[in-house]
């Protein structure tokens, strides 16, 4: 008995599914016949899977994965709200109804084999069978195990580079900045060290609000003082008010006058 039967599949499609004649598919059919789904697939196996409508059983999507198909479905359901393709729209509709697609294994292919051709075969075959697939391509995309040439890698690198080169204002070195850094204005200096070096000896203006806050903090500190800097008490008859409204020490003023007069008398003599 099959674990995930396809009641809406025509007989020809079920026959292809069970009697494809490949070693990998025979191994898969044996496990399904025993009613066993392995929890972890070998990493050198690519599974061609299908997603069926839970209400009608109709196959709506064909894909491939190197992991367990149920894990791939969870990934689809998690990211469907970010994508704007037909398959994601369908999964969002099912998610809003509190259900999810039914996963079926169509075929398992070795990673070294032409799994892309098998995925294209299943998509084309299901479309010919009358299934309204939501795949927006003919399948076969992906690059598991592929080796890219140097020219191909250079094209991919050029397509991913969306920034520009700039010259550092401090040391003159050339450096690269990505698009988001360019939008933030981070294009003047190549490093934090050059930025900090550019600030040495440069006056940094203080904002009015910061200045007012500093003045208020200093006034509060002076108002909380109980003694002057020479240790005289700032209360009672020893206190006078200065021209700017602050408290002054009479004893300190008396000492200051005596010192001043002594300096004047010493010059005159």
C-alpha atoms as a PDB file:
ATOM      1  CA  UNK A   1       0.000   0.000   0.000  1.00  0.00           C
ATOM      2  CA  UNK A   2       1.379   3.413  -0.957  1.00  0.00           C
ATOM      3  CA  UNK A   3       1.977   5.984   1.762  1.00  0.00           C
ATOM      4  CA  UNK A   4       0.794   8.944  -0.373  1.00  0.00           C
ATOM      5  CA  UNK A   5      -1.590   7.697  -3.081  1.00  0.00           C
ATOM      6  CA  UNK A   6      -2.590  10.028  -5.894  1.00  0.00           C
ATOM      7  CA  UNK A   7      -6.285   9.394  -6.559  1.00  0.00           C
ATOM      8  CA  UNK A   8      -6.473  12.130  -9.194  1.00  0.00           C
ATOM      9  CA  UNK A   9      -3.481  10.864 -11.212  1.00  0.00           C
ATOM     10  CA  UNK A  10      -4.294   9.006 -14.439  1.00  0.00           C
ATOM     11  CA  UNK A  11      -3.240   5.346 -14.700  1.00  0.00           C
ATOM     12  CA  UNK A  12      -0.397   6.152 -17.113  1.00  0.00           C
ATOM     13  CA  UNK A  13       1.186   8.542 -14.620  1.00  0.00           C
ATOM     14  CA  UNK A  14       0.878   6.050 -11.744  1.00  0.00           C
ATOM     15  CA  UNK A  15       2.487   3.398 -13.948  1.00  0.00           C
ATOM     16  CA  UNK A  16       5.428   5.683 -14.717  1.00  0.00           C
ATOM     17  CA  UNK A  17       5.773   6.418 -11.042  1.00  0.00           C
ATOM     18  CA  UNK A  18       5.973   2.733 -10.048  1.00  0.00           C
ATOM     19  CA  UNK A  19       7.728   1.204 -13.047  1.00  0.00           C
ATOM     20  CA  UNK A  20      10.272   3.736 -14.237  1.00  0.00           C
ATOM     21  CA  UNK A  21      12.968   1.046 -14.273  1.00  0.00           C
ATOM     22  CA  UNK A  22      15.758   2.998 -12.520  1.00  0.00           C
ATOM     23  CA  UNK A  23      17.588   1.660  -9.499  1.00  0.00           C
ATOM     24  CA  UNK A  24      16.901   4.759  -7.437  1.00  0.00           C
ATOM     25  CA  UNK A  25      13.172   4.646  -8.098  1.00  0.00           C
ATOM     26  CA  UNK A  26      12.991   0.910  -7.313  1.00  0.00           C
ATOM     27  CA  UNK A  27      14.685   1.637  -3.954  1.00  0.00           C
ATOM     28  CA  UNK A  28      12.123   4.374  -3.258  1.00  0.00           C
ATOM     29  CA  UNK A  29       9.162   2.177  -4.198  1.00  0.00           C
ATOM     30  CA  UNK A  30      10.346  -0.582  -1.882  1.00  0.00           C
ATOM     31  CA  UNK A  31      10.384   1.793   1.098  1.00  0.00           C
ATOM     32  CA  UNK A  32       6.992   3.240   0.217  1.00  0.00           C
ATOM     33  CA  UNK A  33       5.514  -0.244  -0.109  1.00  0.00           C
ATOM     34  CA  UNK A  34       6.635  -1.016   3.437  1.00  0.00           C
ATOM     35  CA  UNK A  35       5.016   2.209   4.651  1.00  0.00           C
ATOM     36  CA  UNK A  36       8.321   3.710   5.827  1.00  0.00           C
ATOM     37  CA  UNK A  37       9.403   7.306   5.247  1.00  0.00           C
ATOM     38  CA  UNK A  38      13.108   7.769   6.091  1.00  0.00           C
ATOM     39  CA  UNK A  39      13.670  10.725   8.413  1.00  0.00           C
ATOM     40  CA  UNK A  40      16.896  11.717   6.678  1.00  0.00           C
ATOM     41  CA  UNK A  41      17.788  11.176   3.049  1.00  0.00           C
ATOM     42  CA  UNK A  42      21.355  10.703   1.779  1.00  0.00           C
ATOM     43  CA  UNK A  43      22.807  14.003   0.632  1.00  0.00           C
ATOM     44  CA  UNK A  44      23.657  12.518  -2.781  1.00  0.00           C
ATOM     45  CA  UNK A  45      19.968  11.886  -3.576  1.00  0.00           C
ATOM     46  CA  UNK A  46      17.674  14.458  -5.227  1.00  0.00           C
ATOM     47  CA  UNK A  47      13.954  13.931  -4.672  1.00  0.00           C
ATOM     48  CA  UNK A  48      11.451  15.071  -7.292  1.00  0.00           C
ATOM     49  CA  UNK A  49       8.306  15.808  -5.299  1.00  0.00           C
ATOM     50  CA  UNK A  50       4.803  17.079  -5.946  1.00  0.00           C
ATOM     51  CA  UNK A  51       2.411  19.245  -3.931  1.00  0.00           C
ATOM     52  CA  UNK A  52      -1.280  18.361  -4.144  1.00  0.00           C
ATOM     53  CA  UNK A  53      -4.369  20.304  -3.187  1.00  0.00           C
ATOM     54  CA  UNK A  54      -5.640  18.889   0.131  1.00  0.00           C
ATOM     55  CA  UNK A  55      -9.277  19.305  -0.920  1.00  0.00           C
ATOM     56  CA  UNK A  56      -9.238  17.876  -4.470  1.00  0.00           C
ATOM     57  CA  UNK A  57      -5.983  15.862  -4.529  1.00  0.00           C
ATOM     58  CA  UNK A  58      -4.968  17.612  -7.756  1.00  0.00           C
ATOM     59  CA  UNK A  59      -1.241  18.029  -8.328  1.00  0.00           C
ATOM     60  CA  UNK A  60      -0.421  21.756  -8.432  1.00  0.00           C
ATOM     61  CA  UNK A  61       3.368  22.001  -8.118  1.00  0.00           C
ATOM     62  CA  UNK A  62       6.453  19.917  -8.950  1.00  0.00           C
ATOM     63  CA  UNK A  63       9.836  20.624  -7.389  1.00  0.00           C
ATOM     64  CA  UNK A  64      13.100  19.036  -6.276  1.00  0.00           C
ATOM     65  CA  UNK A  65      14.990  18.905  -2.994  1.00  0.00           C
ATOM     66  CA  UNK A  66      18.006  17.244  -1.423  1.00  0.00           C
ATOM     67  CA  UNK A  67      16.191  16.981   1.907  1.00  0.00           C
ATOM     68  CA  UNK A  68      13.014  15.244   3.019  1.00  0.00           C
ATOM     69  CA  UNK A  69      10.066  16.651   0.987  1.00  0.00           C
ATOM     70  CA  UNK A  70       8.134  17.462   4.171  1.00  0.00           C
ATOM     71  CA  UNK A  71      11.012  19.697   5.251  1.00  0.00           C
ATOM     72  CA  UNK A  72      10.967  21.424   1.868  1.00  0.00           C
ATOM     73  CA  UNK A  73       7.213  21.992   2.199  1.00  0.00           C
ATOM     74  CA  UNK A  74       7.746  23.637   5.593  1.00  0.00           C
ATOM     75  CA  UNK A  75      10.250  25.985   3.926  1.00  0.00           C
ATOM     76  CA  UNK A  76       7.680  26.808   1.209  1.00  0.00           C
ATOM     77  CA  UNK A  77       4.970  27.561   3.773  1.00  0.00           C
ATOM     78  CA  UNK A  78       7.329  29.754   5.807  1.00  0.00           C
ATOM     79  CA  UNK A  79       8.433  31.906   2.866  1.00  0.00           C
ATOM     80  CA  UNK A  80       5.200  32.043   0.862  1.00  0.00           C
ATOM     81  CA  UNK A  81       4.234  35.426   2.371  1.00  0.00           C
ATOM     82  CA  UNK A  82       7.444  36.978   0.975  1.00  0.00           C
ATOM     83  CA  UNK A  83       7.095  35.784  -2.611  1.00  0.00           C
ATOM     84  CA  UNK A  84       4.712  36.945  -5.328  1.00  0.00           C
ATOM     85  CA  UNK A  85       4.477  33.952  -7.654  1.00  0.00           C
ATOM     86  CA  UNK A  86       1.508  31.718  -8.409  1.00  0.00           C
ATOM     87  CA  UNK A  87       2.672  28.831  -6.218  1.00  0.00           C
ATOM     88  CA  UNK A  88       3.257  31.152  -3.227  1.00  0.00           C
ATOM     89  CA  UNK A  89      -0.170  32.758  -3.692  1.00  0.00           C
ATOM     90  CA  UNK A  90      -1.765  29.288  -3.665  1.00  0.00           C
ATOM     91  CA  UNK A  91       0.095  28.294  -0.491  1.00  0.00           C
ATOM     92  CA  UNK A  92      -0.929  31.534   1.227  1.00  0.00           C
ATOM     93  CA  UNK A  93      -4.558  30.741   0.403  1.00  0.00           C
ATOM     94  CA  UNK A  94      -4.217  27.270   1.933  1.00  0.00           C
ATOM     95  CA  UNK A  95      -2.430  28.700   4.960  1.00  0.00           C
ATOM     96  CA  UNK A  96      -5.273  31.162   5.517  1.00  0.00           C
ATOM     97  CA  UNK A  97      -7.687  28.196   5.535  1.00  0.00           C
ATOM     98  CA  UNK A  98      -5.569  26.403   8.135  1.00  0.00           C
ATOM     99  CA  UNK A  99      -4.301  23.618   5.871  1.00  0.00           C
ATOM    100  CA  UNK A 100      -1.223  22.787   3.784  1.00  0.00           C
ATOM    101  CA  UNK A 101      -0.507  20.870   0.560  1.00  0.00           C
ATOM    102  CA  UNK A 102      -0.071  17.098   0.476  1.00  0.00           C
ATOM    103  CA  UNK A 103       3.474  16.020  -0.408  1.00  0.00           C
ATOM    104  CA  UNK A 104       4.089  13.073  -2.749  1.00  0.00           C
ATOM    105  CA  UNK A 105       7.396  11.556  -3.858  1.00  0.00           C
ATOM    106  CA  UNK A 106       7.539  11.285  -7.642  1.00  0.00           C
ATOM    107  CA  UNK A 107      11.118  10.088  -8.111  1.00  0.00           C
ATOM    108  CA  UNK A 108      14.521   9.982  -6.453  1.00  0.00           C
ATOM    109  CA  UNK A 109      17.583  10.560  -8.596  1.00  0.00           C
ATOM    110  CA  UNK A 110      21.277  10.419  -7.836  1.00  0.00           C
ATOM    111  CA  UNK A 111      22.944  13.814  -7.483  1.00  0.00           C
ATOM    112  CA  UNK A 112      25.464  12.805 -10.124  1.00  0.00           C
ATOM    113  CA  UNK A 113      22.721  11.952 -12.606  1.00  0.00           C
ATOM    114  CA  UNK A 114      20.805  14.455 -14.734  1.00  0.00           C
ATOM    115  CA  UNK A 115      18.177  15.248 -12.118  1.00  0.00           C
ATOM    116  CA  UNK A 116      17.277  18.469 -13.937  1.00  0.00           C
ATOM    117  CA  UNK A 117      16.090  16.458 -16.932  1.00  0.00           C
ATOM    118  CA  UNK A 118      13.932  14.289 -14.656  1.00  0.00           C
ATOM    119  CA  UNK A 119      12.349  17.363 -13.071  1.00  0.00           C
ATOM    120  CA  UNK A 120      11.630  18.809 -16.518  1.00  0.00           C
ATOM    121  CA  UNK A 121      10.142  15.452 -17.534  1.00  0.00           C
ATOM    122  CA  UNK A 122       7.729  15.364 -14.595  1.00  0.00           C
ATOM    123  CA  UNK A 123       6.611  18.972 -15.123  1.00  0.00           C
ATOM    124  CA  UNK A 124       6.024  18.409 -18.838  1.00  0.00           C
ATOM    125  CA  UNK A 125       4.320  15.042 -18.229  1.00  0.00           C
ATOM    126  CA  UNK A 126       1.957  16.431 -15.591  1.00  0.00           C
ATOM    127  CA  UNK A 127       1.025  19.355 -17.824  1.00  0.00           C
ATOM    128  CA  UNK A 128       0.278  16.980 -20.679  1.00  0.00           C
ATOM    129  CA  UNK A 129      -1.827  14.896 -18.274  1.00  0.00           C
ATOM    130  CA  UNK A 130      -4.024  17.934 -17.640  1.00  0.00           C
ATOM    131  CA  UNK A 131      -2.780  19.086 -14.239  1.00  0.00           C
ATOM    132  CA  UNK A 132      -2.865  22.847 -13.700  1.00  0.00           C
ATOM    133  CA  UNK A 133       0.676  23.233 -12.433  1.00  0.00           C
ATOM    134  CA  UNK A 134       1.696  26.513 -10.845  1.00  0.00           C
ATOM    135  CA  UNK A 135       5.379  26.198 -11.813  1.00  0.00           C
ATOM    136  CA  UNK A 136       6.414  29.390 -13.599  1.00  0.00           C
ATOM    137  CA  UNK A 137       9.312  27.625 -15.361  1.00  0.00           C
ATOM    138  CA  UNK A 138       9.901  24.284 -17.064  1.00  0.00           C
ATOM    139  CA  UNK A 139      12.136  23.086 -14.192  1.00  0.00           C
ATOM    140  CA  UNK A 140      15.731  21.953 -14.072  1.00  0.00           C
ATOM    141  CA  UNK A 141      17.065  25.097 -12.384  1.00  0.00           C
ATOM    142  CA  UNK A 142      19.696  24.719  -9.697  1.00  0.00           C
ATOM    143  CA  UNK A 143      23.383  23.960  -9.587  1.00  0.00           C
ATOM    144  CA  UNK A 144      23.967  21.126  -7.097  1.00  0.00           C
ATOM    145  CA  UNK A 145      27.488  19.846  -7.763  1.00  0.00           C
ATOM    146  CA  UNK A 146      28.016  22.042 -10.826  1.00  0.00           C
ATOM    147  CA  UNK A 147      31.468  23.542 -11.487  1.00  0.00           C
ATOM    148  CA  UNK A 148      31.390  27.073 -12.885  1.00  0.00           C
ATOM    149  CA  UNK A 149      34.073  28.455 -15.159  1.00  0.00           C
ATOM    150  CA  UNK A 150      36.070  31.550 -14.243  1.00  0.00           C
ATOM    151  CA  UNK A 151      34.171  33.600 -16.836  1.00  0.00           C
ATOM    152  CA  UNK A 152      30.829  32.451 -15.409  1.00  0.00           C
ATOM    153  CA  UNK A 153      31.906  33.350 -11.874  1.00  0.00           C
ATOM    154  CA  UNK A 154      33.027  36.781 -13.097  1.00  0.00           C
ATOM    155  CA  UNK A 155      29.591  37.420 -14.630  1.00  0.00           C
ATOM    156  CA  UNK A 156      27.832  36.421 -11.399  1.00  0.00           C
ATOM    157  CA  UNK A 157      30.173  38.641  -9.376  1.00  0.00           C
ATOM    158  CA  UNK A 158      29.568  41.618 -11.689  1.00  0.00           C
ATOM    159  CA  UNK A 159      25.802  41.147 -11.432  1.00  0.00           C
ATOM    160  CA  UNK A 160      25.929  41.110  -7.621  1.00  0.00           C
ATOM    161  CA  UNK A 161      28.102  44.211  -7.328  1.00  0.00           C
ATOM    162  CA  UNK A 162      25.791  47.195  -7.076  1.00  0.00           C
ATOM    163  CA  UNK A 163      28.212  49.678  -5.436  1.00  0.00           C
ATOM    164  CA  UNK A 164      31.141  51.826  -6.598  1.00  0.00           C
ATOM    165  CA  UNK A 165      34.786  52.573  -5.841  1.00  0.00           C
ATOM    166  CA  UNK A 166      35.699  55.692  -3.832  1.00  0.00           C
ATOM    167  CA  UNK A 167      38.901  57.474  -2.788  1.00  0.00           C
ATOM    168  CA  UNK A 168      39.620  58.030   0.918  1.00  0.00           C
ATOM    169  CA  UNK A 169      39.858  61.720   1.849  1.00  0.00           C
ATOM    170  CA  UNK A 170      42.533  60.993   4.481  1.00  0.00           C
ATOM    171  CA  UNK A 171      44.947  58.452   3.003  1.00  0.00           C
ATOM    172  CA  UNK A 172      43.881  58.460  -0.657  1.00  0.00           C
ATOM    173  CA  UNK A 173      43.329  54.676  -0.771  1.00  0.00           C
ATOM    174  CA  UNK A 174      40.691  53.219  -3.110  1.00  0.00           C
ATOM    175  CA  UNK A 175      37.871  51.325  -1.398  1.00  0.00           C
ATOM    176  CA  UNK A 176      34.538  49.710  -2.311  1.00  0.00           C
ATOM    177  CA  UNK A 177      31.175  50.645  -0.866  1.00  0.00           C
ATOM    178  CA  UNK A 178      27.879  48.797  -1.326  1.00  0.00           C
ATOM    179  CA  UNK A 179      24.680  50.542  -2.374  1.00  0.00           C
ATOM    180  CA  UNK A 180      23.206  50.799   1.126  1.00  0.00           C
ATOM    181  CA  UNK A 181      26.454  52.377   2.425  1.00  0.00           C
ATOM    182  CA  UNK A 182      26.363  54.893  -0.430  1.00  0.00           C
ATOM    183  CA  UNK A 183      22.799  55.860   0.517  1.00  0.00           C
ATOM    184  CA  UNK A 184      23.936  56.376   4.130  1.00  0.00           C
ATOM    185  CA  UNK A 185      26.770  58.668   3.007  1.00  0.00           C
ATOM    186  CA  UNK A 186      29.586  56.343   4.154  1.00  0.00           C
ATOM    187  CA  UNK A 187      31.844  57.186   1.213  1.00  0.00           C
ATOM    188  CA  UNK A 188      34.443  59.655   2.565  1.00  0.00           C
ATOM    189  CA  UNK A 189      36.839  57.395   4.471  1.00  0.00           C
ATOM    190  CA  UNK A 190      38.080  53.864   3.916  1.00  0.00           C
ATOM    191  CA  UNK A 191      38.210  52.898   7.598  1.00  0.00           C
ATOM    192  CA  UNK A 192      37.330  54.020  11.095  1.00  0.00           C
ATOM    193  CA  UNK A 193      41.000  54.883  11.756  1.00  0.00           C
ATOM    194  CA  UNK A 194      41.024  57.361   8.864  1.00  0.00           C
ATOM    195  CA  UNK A 195      37.764  58.886  10.071  1.00  0.00           C
ATOM    196  CA  UNK A 196      39.119  59.362  13.609  1.00  0.00           C
ATOM    197  CA  UNK A 197      42.376  60.813  12.268  1.00  0.00           C
ATOM    198  CA  UNK A 198      40.402  63.370  10.259  1.00  0.00           C
ATOM    199  CA  UNK A 199      38.751  64.648  13.460  1.00  0.00           C
ATOM    200  CA  UNK A 200      41.990  65.488  15.258  1.00  0.00           C
ATOM    201  CA  UNK A 201      42.390  69.257  15.732  1.00  0.00           C
ATOM    202  CA  UNK A 202      38.947  70.001  14.306  1.00  0.00           C
ATOM    203  CA  UNK A 203      36.593  72.093  16.438  1.00  0.00           C
ATOM    204  CA  UNK A 204      33.309  70.351  17.072  1.00  0.00           C
ATOM    205  CA  UNK A 205      30.512  72.886  17.577  1.00  0.00           C
ATOM    206  CA  UNK A 206      28.217  72.264  20.534  1.00  0.00           C
ATOM    207  CA  UNK A 207      24.497  72.316  19.961  1.00  0.00           C
ATOM    208  CA  UNK A 208      22.485  74.980  21.880  1.00  0.00           C
ATOM    209  CA  UNK A 209      20.453  72.368  23.716  1.00  0.00           C
ATOM    210  CA  UNK A 210      23.610  70.591  24.880  1.00  0.00           C
ATOM    211  CA  UNK A 211      25.110  73.925  26.028  1.00  0.00           C
ATOM    212  CA  UNK A 212      21.985  74.866  27.995  1.00  0.00           C
ATOM    213  CA  UNK A 213      21.908  71.466  29.646  1.00  0.00           C
ATOM    214  CA  UNK A 214      25.546  71.878  30.717  1.00  0.00           C
ATOM    215  CA  UNK A 215      24.906  75.337  32.186  1.00  0.00           C
ATOM    216  CA  UNK A 216      21.890  74.069  34.117  1.00  0.00           C
ATOM    217  CA  UNK A 217      23.876  71.108  35.475  1.00  0.00           C
ATOM    218  CA  UNK A 218      26.714  73.386  36.631  1.00  0.00           C
ATOM    219  CA  UNK A 219      24.250  75.758  38.343  1.00  0.00           C
ATOM    220  CA  UNK A 220      22.597  72.862  40.151  1.00  0.00           C
ATOM    221  CA  UNK A 221      25.983  71.598  41.338  1.00  0.00           C
ATOM    222  CA  UNK A 222      26.921  75.048  42.717  1.00  0.00           C
ATOM    223  CA  UNK A 223      23.551  75.423  44.425  1.00  0.00           C
ATOM    224  CA  UNK A 224      24.094  72.109  46.214  1.00  0.00           C
ATOM    225  CA  UNK A 225      27.493  73.177  47.668  1.00  0.00           C
ATOM    226  CA  UNK A 226      27.523  73.799  51.457  1.00  0.00           C
ATOM    227  CA  UNK A 227      31.121  75.132  51.648  1.00  0.00           C
ATOM    228  CA  UNK A 228      33.285  77.230  49.351  1.00  0.00           C
ATOM    229  CA  UNK A 229      36.558  76.002  47.848  1.00  0.00           C
ATOM    230  CA  UNK A 230      38.481  77.183  50.950  1.00  0.00           C
ATOM    231  CA  UNK A 231      36.107  75.390  53.319  1.00  0.00           C
ATOM    232  CA  UNK A 232      34.109  78.413  54.551  1.00  0.00           C
ATOM    233  CA  UNK A 233      30.392  77.768  55.120  1.00  0.00           C
ATOM    234  CA  UNK A 234      28.049  79.159  52.497  1.00  0.00           C
ATOM    235  CA  UNK A 235      25.212  80.072  54.803  1.00  0.00           C
ATOM    236  CA  UNK A 236      24.120  82.741  57.216  1.00  0.00           C
ATOM    237  CA  UNK A 237      25.978  86.051  57.343  1.00  0.00           C
ATOM    238  CA  UNK A 238      28.957  84.654  55.380  1.00  0.00           C
ATOM    239  CA  UNK A 239      26.968  84.653  52.118  1.00  0.00           C
ATOM    240  CA  UNK A 240      26.380  87.502  49.680  1.00  0.00           C
ATOM    241  CA  UNK A 241      24.793  87.524  46.231  1.00  0.00           C
ATOM    242  CA  UNK A 242      27.048  88.201  43.248  1.00  0.00           C
ATOM    243  CA  UNK A 243      26.135  90.307  40.217  1.00  0.00           C
ATOM    244  CA  UNK A 244      25.092  87.207  38.254  1.00  0.00           C
ATOM    245  CA  UNK A 245      22.841  85.951  41.059  1.00  0.00           C
ATOM    246  CA  UNK A 246      25.181  83.307  42.473  1.00  0.00           C
ATOM    247  CA  UNK A 247      26.229  82.853  46.120  1.00  0.00           C
ATOM    248  CA  UNK A 248      29.548  84.306  47.217  1.00  0.00           C
ATOM    249  CA  UNK A 249      31.713  83.803  50.320  1.00  0.00           C
ATOM    250  CA  UNK A 250      32.367  86.993  52.351  1.00  0.00           C
ATOM    251  CA  UNK A 251      35.444  85.544  54.059  1.00  0.00           C
ATOM    252  CA  UNK A 252      37.015  84.650  50.713  1.00  0.00           C
ATOM    253  CA  UNK A 253      36.261  88.169  49.455  1.00  0.00           C
ATOM    254  CA  UNK A 254      37.927  89.677  52.519  1.00  0.00           C
ATOM    255  CA  UNK A 255      41.049  87.520  52.020  1.00  0.00           C
ATOM    256  CA  UNK A 256      41.143  88.446  48.342  1.00  0.00           C
ATOM    257  CA  UNK A 257      41.052  92.189  49.177  1.00  0.00           C
ATOM    258  CA  UNK A 258      43.840  91.811  51.725  1.00  0.00           C
ATOM    259  CA  UNK A 259      46.029  89.960  49.236  1.00  0.00           C
ATOM    260  CA  UNK A 260      45.326  92.548  46.528  1.00  0.00           C
ATOM    261  CA  UNK A 261      46.182  95.499  48.801  1.00  0.00           C
ATOM    262  CA  UNK A 262      49.381  93.809  49.890  1.00  0.00           C
ATOM    263  CA  UNK A 263      50.488  93.442  46.263  1.00  0.00           C
ATOM    264  CA  UNK A 264      49.688  97.113  45.562  1.00  0.00           C
ATOM    265  CA  UNK A 265      51.572  98.348  48.638  1.00  0.00           C
ATOM    266  CA  UNK A 266      54.586  96.211  47.697  1.00  0.00           C
ATOM    267  CA  UNK A 267      54.739  97.803  44.205  1.00  0.00           C
ATOM    268  CA  UNK A 268      54.447 101.341  45.633  1.00  0.00           C
ATOM    269  CA  UNK A 269      57.217 100.753  48.139  1.00  0.00           C
END
